Amino acid sequence: MKPEIYTQWERQTNLITTRLSGTVTETDVSEWKQSLDKTFADLPPGTKFKIFVNLHGLNPASVSAHKSYRDIIPLLLSRYNWRIGYLDLFEEAKELKLTSENESECLAAVHCHHDSYKINEYESRFGKDSEHFFDDPEKSESWIRSYSV
């Protein structure tokens, strides 16, 4: 399956949607990171946004490809005053500092992945009013679009 890689910002809804799926290599992950970096660099100062991280159907081609994408979203969102709930699972994430780059801030996030066991566990342990973990892309998109920022 050819990888699907993109990030887009809808100015009118303040929704950032990012997608990484299919069989991905480290090069694909690098392309995805570049799409994220460009989108975030183009946000106007003071933007309050919500994000849909869609990794449904992601299949890293190697262990190194898997390792290369794991910290991208947590580190990126920490620069916008957001700490992903599941970071509490990792001792090395305890000291992650939150900042507010360009005076912009993430106010809500939804994470979608096809591993139902893992994502349902994340939802039960770390889900909250402003952050959810789903295994269904349509449910994910519906929830994040309904969240007011």
C-alpha atoms as a PDB file:
ATOM      1  CA  MET A   1       0.000   0.000   0.000  1.00  0.00           C
ATOM      2  CA  LYS A   2       1.437   3.356  -1.076  1.00  0.00           C
ATOM      3  CA  PRO A   3       1.981   5.656   1.891  1.00  0.00           C
ATOM      4  CA  GLU A   4      -0.427   8.518   2.494  1.00  0.00           C
ATOM      5  CA  ILE A   5       1.465  11.496   3.874  1.00  0.00           C
ATOM      6  CA  TYR A   6       0.139  14.997   4.454  1.00  0.00           C
ATOM      7  CA  THR A   7      -0.552  17.777   6.920  1.00  0.00           C
ATOM      8  CA  GLN A   8      -3.056  20.557   6.357  1.00  0.00           C
ATOM      9  CA  TRP A   9      -4.506  23.430   8.322  1.00  0.00           C
ATOM     10  CA  GLU A  10      -8.073  24.620   7.859  1.00  0.00           C
ATOM     11  CA  ARG A  11      -7.996  28.268   8.848  1.00  0.00           C
ATOM     12  CA  GLN A  12     -11.798  28.551   9.163  1.00  0.00           C
ATOM     13  CA  THR A  13     -12.050  25.689  11.711  1.00  0.00           C
ATOM     14  CA  ASN A  14      -8.543  25.964  13.230  1.00  0.00           C
ATOM     15  CA  LEU A  15      -8.125  22.241  12.579  1.00  0.00           C
ATOM     16  CA  ILE A  16      -4.794  20.716  11.672  1.00  0.00           C
ATOM     17  CA  THR A  17      -5.105  17.254  10.145  1.00  0.00           C
ATOM     18  CA  THR A  18      -2.033  15.111   9.685  1.00  0.00           C
ATOM     19  CA  ARG A  19      -1.916  11.689   8.086  1.00  0.00           C
ATOM     20  CA  LEU A  20       0.751   9.002   7.954  1.00  0.00           C
ATOM     21  CA  SER A  21      -0.418   5.614   6.722  1.00  0.00           C
ATOM     22  CA  GLY A  22       0.577   2.657   4.610  1.00  0.00           C
ATOM     23  CA  THR A  23       3.940   0.932   4.635  1.00  0.00           C
ATOM     24  CA  VAL A  24       6.364   3.712   5.518  1.00  0.00           C
ATOM     25  CA  THR A  25      10.137   3.990   5.465  1.00  0.00           C
ATOM     26  CA  GLU A  26      12.334   6.456   7.322  1.00  0.00           C
ATOM     27  CA  THR A  27      12.270   8.631   4.178  1.00  0.00           C
ATOM     28  CA  ASP A  28       8.459   8.695   4.286  1.00  0.00           C
ATOM     29  CA  VAL A  29       8.531   9.641   7.966  1.00  0.00           C
ATOM     30  CA  SER A  30      10.965  12.444   7.139  1.00  0.00           C
ATOM     31  CA  GLU A  31       8.573  13.700   4.427  1.00  0.00           C
ATOM     32  CA  TRP A  32       5.715  13.607   6.960  1.00  0.00           C
ATOM     33  CA  LYS A  33       7.761  15.557   9.508  1.00  0.00           C
ATOM     34  CA  GLN A  34       8.535  18.170   6.857  1.00  0.00           C
ATOM     35  CA  SER A  35       4.806  18.527   6.125  1.00  0.00           C
ATOM     36  CA  LEU A  36       4.175  19.086   9.837  1.00  0.00           C
ATOM     37  CA  ASP A  37       7.036  21.576  10.179  1.00  0.00           C
ATOM     38  CA  LYS A  38       5.847  23.590   7.167  1.00  0.00           C
ATOM     39  CA  THR A  39       2.227  23.682   8.337  1.00  0.00           C
ATOM     40  CA  PHE A  40       3.175  24.782  11.842  1.00  0.00           C
ATOM     41  CA  ALA A  41       5.662  27.379  10.552  1.00  0.00           C
ATOM     42  CA  ASP A  42       2.837  28.932   8.505  1.00  0.00           C
ATOM     43  CA  LEU A  43       0.428  29.328  11.444  1.00  0.00           C
ATOM     44  CA  PRO A  44      -0.303  32.979  12.223  1.00  0.00           C
ATOM     45  CA  PRO A  45       0.989  34.125  15.635  1.00  0.00           C
ATOM     46  CA  GLY A  46      -1.424  33.431  18.479  1.00  0.00           C
ATOM     47  CA  THR A  47      -3.322  30.642  16.677  1.00  0.00           C
ATOM     48  CA  LYS A  48      -5.412  28.414  18.937  1.00  0.00           C
ATOM     49  CA  PHE A  49      -5.837  25.101  17.129  1.00  0.00           C
ATOM     50  CA  LYS A  50      -7.007  21.520  17.423  1.00  0.00           C
ATOM     51  CA  ILE A  51      -5.293  18.548  15.776  1.00  0.00           C
ATOM     52  CA  PHE A  52      -6.307  15.217  14.245  1.00  0.00           C
ATOM     53  CA  VAL A  53      -3.342  12.835  14.194  1.00  0.00           C
ATOM     54  CA  ASN A  54      -4.420  10.061  11.839  1.00  0.00           C
ATOM     55  CA  LEU A  55      -2.074   7.064  11.889  1.00  0.00           C
ATOM     56  CA  HIS A  56      -4.811   4.574  10.959  1.00  0.00           C
ATOM     57  CA  GLY A  57      -3.272   1.972   8.638  1.00  0.00           C
ATOM     58  CA  LEU A  58       0.312   2.888   9.504  1.00  0.00           C
ATOM     59  CA  ASN A  59       2.718   0.022   8.933  1.00  0.00           C
ATOM     60  CA  PRO A  60       6.388   0.909   9.502  1.00  0.00           C
ATOM     61  CA  ALA A  61       8.630  -0.986   7.063  1.00  0.00           C
ATOM     62  CA  SER A  62      11.324  -1.492   9.705  1.00  0.00           C
ATOM     63  CA  VAL A  63      12.125  -1.019  13.385  1.00  0.00           C
ATOM     64  CA  SER A  64      14.083   2.114  12.501  1.00  0.00           C
ATOM     65  CA  ALA A  65      11.072   3.518  10.603  1.00  0.00           C
ATOM     66  CA  HIS A  66       8.921   2.826  13.678  1.00  0.00           C
ATOM     67  CA  LYS A  67      11.386   4.538  15.979  1.00  0.00           C
ATOM     68  CA  SER A  68      11.674   7.516  13.640  1.00  0.00           C
ATOM     69  CA  TYR A  69       8.022   8.598  13.923  1.00  0.00           C
ATOM     70  CA  ARG A  70       7.253   7.885  17.601  1.00  0.00           C
ATOM     71  CA  ASP A  71       8.443  11.135  19.152  1.00  0.00           C
ATOM     72  CA  ILE A  72       7.534  13.562  16.338  1.00  0.00           C
ATOM     73  CA  ILE A  73       3.992  14.437  17.495  1.00  0.00           C
ATOM     74  CA  PRO A  74       4.711  14.533  21.259  1.00  0.00           C
ATOM     75  CA  LEU A  75       7.726  16.824  20.762  1.00  0.00           C
ATOM     76  CA  LEU A  76       5.945  19.009  18.221  1.00  0.00           C
ATOM     77  CA  LEU A  77       2.847  19.504  20.370  1.00  0.00           C
ATOM     78  CA  SER A  78       4.946  20.234  23.462  1.00  0.00           C
ATOM     79  CA  ARG A  79       6.033  23.396  21.622  1.00  0.00           C
ATOM     80  CA  TYR A  80       2.357  24.431  21.577  1.00  0.00           C
ATOM     81  CA  ASN A  81       1.599  23.892  25.267  1.00  0.00           C
ATOM     82  CA  TRP A  82       0.210  20.356  24.805  1.00  0.00           C
ATOM     83  CA  ARG A  83       1.213  17.162  26.574  1.00  0.00           C
ATOM     84  CA  ILE A  84      -0.180  13.965  25.086  1.00  0.00           C
ATOM     85  CA  GLY A  85      -1.756  11.817  27.809  1.00  0.00           C
ATOM     86  CA  TYR A  86       0.111   8.613  27.021  1.00  0.00           C
ATOM     87  CA  LEU A  87       3.462  10.271  27.725  1.00  0.00           C
ATOM     88  CA  ASP A  88       2.867   9.342  31.358  1.00  0.00           C
ATOM     89  CA  LEU A  89       3.819   5.794  30.316  1.00  0.00           C
ATOM     90  CA  PHE A  90       7.403   6.825  29.634  1.00  0.00           C
ATOM     91  CA  GLU A  91       9.869   7.773  32.333  1.00  0.00           C
ATOM     92  CA  GLU A  92      11.984   9.757  29.849  1.00  0.00           C
ATOM     93  CA  ALA A  93       8.962  12.001  29.104  1.00  0.00           C
ATOM     94  CA  LYS A  94       8.519  13.124  32.715  1.00  0.00           C
ATOM     95  CA  GLU A  95      10.738  16.182  32.164  1.00  0.00           C
ATOM     96  CA  LEU A  96       9.205  17.268  28.838  1.00  0.00           C
ATOM     97  CA  LYS A  97       8.820  21.041  28.955  1.00  0.00           C
ATOM     98  CA  LEU A  98       5.792  22.736  27.435  1.00  0.00           C
ATOM     99  CA  THR A  99       6.281  26.022  25.624  1.00  0.00           C
ATOM    100  CA  SER A 100       4.106  28.291  23.509  1.00  0.00           C
ATOM    101  CA  GLU A 101       5.889  28.844  20.203  1.00  0.00           C
ATOM    102  CA  ASN A 102       4.750  31.930  18.316  1.00  0.00           C
ATOM    103  CA  GLU A 103       2.162  32.402  21.089  1.00  0.00           C
ATOM    104  CA  SER A 104       0.177  29.573  19.474  1.00  0.00           C
ATOM    105  CA  GLU A 105      -1.473  26.789  21.426  1.00  0.00           C
ATOM    106  CA  CYS A 106      -3.067  23.387  20.930  1.00  0.00           C
ATOM    107  CA  LEU A 107      -6.458  23.196  22.676  1.00  0.00           C
ATOM    108  CA  ALA A 108      -7.610  19.689  21.668  1.00  0.00           C
ATOM    109  CA  ALA A 109      -6.258  16.549  20.031  1.00  0.00           C
ATOM    110  CA  VAL A 110      -7.545  13.273  18.682  1.00  0.00           C
ATOM    111  CA  HIS A 111      -5.268  10.353  17.862  1.00  0.00           C
ATOM    112  CA  CYS A 112      -6.405   7.589  15.515  1.00  0.00           C
ATOM    113  CA  HIS A 113      -4.699   4.218  15.071  1.00  0.00           C
ATOM    114  CA  HIS A 114      -5.906   0.826  13.850  1.00  0.00           C
ATOM    115  CA  ASP A 115      -4.478  -1.099  16.847  1.00  0.00           C
ATOM    116  CA  SER A 116      -7.794  -1.255  18.693  1.00  0.00           C
ATOM    117  CA  TYR A 117      -6.380  -2.875  21.823  1.00  0.00           C
ATOM    118  CA  LYS A 118      -3.694  -0.215  22.311  1.00  0.00           C
ATOM    119  CA  ILE A 119      -5.815   2.767  21.339  1.00  0.00           C
ATOM    120  CA  ASN A 120      -8.769   1.674  23.506  1.00  0.00           C
ATOM    121  CA  GLU A 121      -6.369   1.261  26.419  1.00  0.00           C
ATOM    122  CA  TYR A 122      -5.040   4.782  25.805  1.00  0.00           C
ATOM    123  CA  GLU A 123      -8.595   6.133  25.674  1.00  0.00           C
ATOM    124  CA  SER A 124      -9.577   4.482  28.952  1.00  0.00           C
ATOM    125  CA  ARG A 125      -6.397   5.591  30.738  1.00  0.00           C
ATOM    126  CA  PHE A 126      -5.647   8.967  29.158  1.00  0.00           C
ATOM    127  CA  GLY A 127      -8.769  10.171  27.348  1.00  0.00           C
ATOM    128  CA  LYS A 128     -10.220  13.450  28.644  1.00  0.00           C
ATOM    129  CA  ASP A 129     -12.577  16.211  27.535  1.00  0.00           C
ATOM    130  CA  SER A 130      -9.983  17.733  25.192  1.00  0.00           C
ATOM    131  CA  GLU A 131      -8.116  14.594  24.065  1.00  0.00           C
ATOM    132  CA  HIS A 132      -9.320  11.277  22.712  1.00  0.00           C
ATOM    133  CA  PHE A 133      -7.869   8.100  21.218  1.00  0.00           C
ATOM    134  CA  PHE A 134      -9.967   6.221  18.645  1.00  0.00           C
ATOM    135  CA  ASP A 135      -9.536   3.333  16.200  1.00  0.00           C
ATOM    136  CA  ASP A 136     -12.039   4.790  13.733  1.00  0.00           C
ATOM    137  CA  PRO A 137     -10.980   7.710  11.487  1.00  0.00           C
ATOM    138  CA  GLU A 138     -14.581   8.875  10.929  1.00  0.00           C
ATOM    139  CA  LYS A 139     -15.344   8.918  14.659  1.00  0.00           C
ATOM    140  CA  SER A 140     -12.041  10.746  15.236  1.00  0.00           C
ATOM    141  CA  GLU A 141     -12.784  13.403  12.650  1.00  0.00           C
ATOM    142  CA  SER A 142     -16.358  13.841  13.837  1.00  0.00           C
ATOM    143  CA  TRP A 143     -15.270  14.357  17.444  1.00  0.00           C
ATOM    144  CA  ILE A 144     -12.461  16.817  16.697  1.00  0.00           C
ATOM    145  CA  ARG A 145     -14.637  18.840  14.314  1.00  0.00           C
ATOM    146  CA  SER A 146     -17.322  19.112  17.000  1.00  0.00           C
ATOM    147  CA  TYR A 147     -14.805  20.412  19.572  1.00  0.00           C
ATOM    148  CA  SER A 148     -14.987  24.211  19.829  1.00  0.00           C
ATOM    149  CA  VAL A 149     -11.764  26.191  20.109  1.00  0.00           C
END
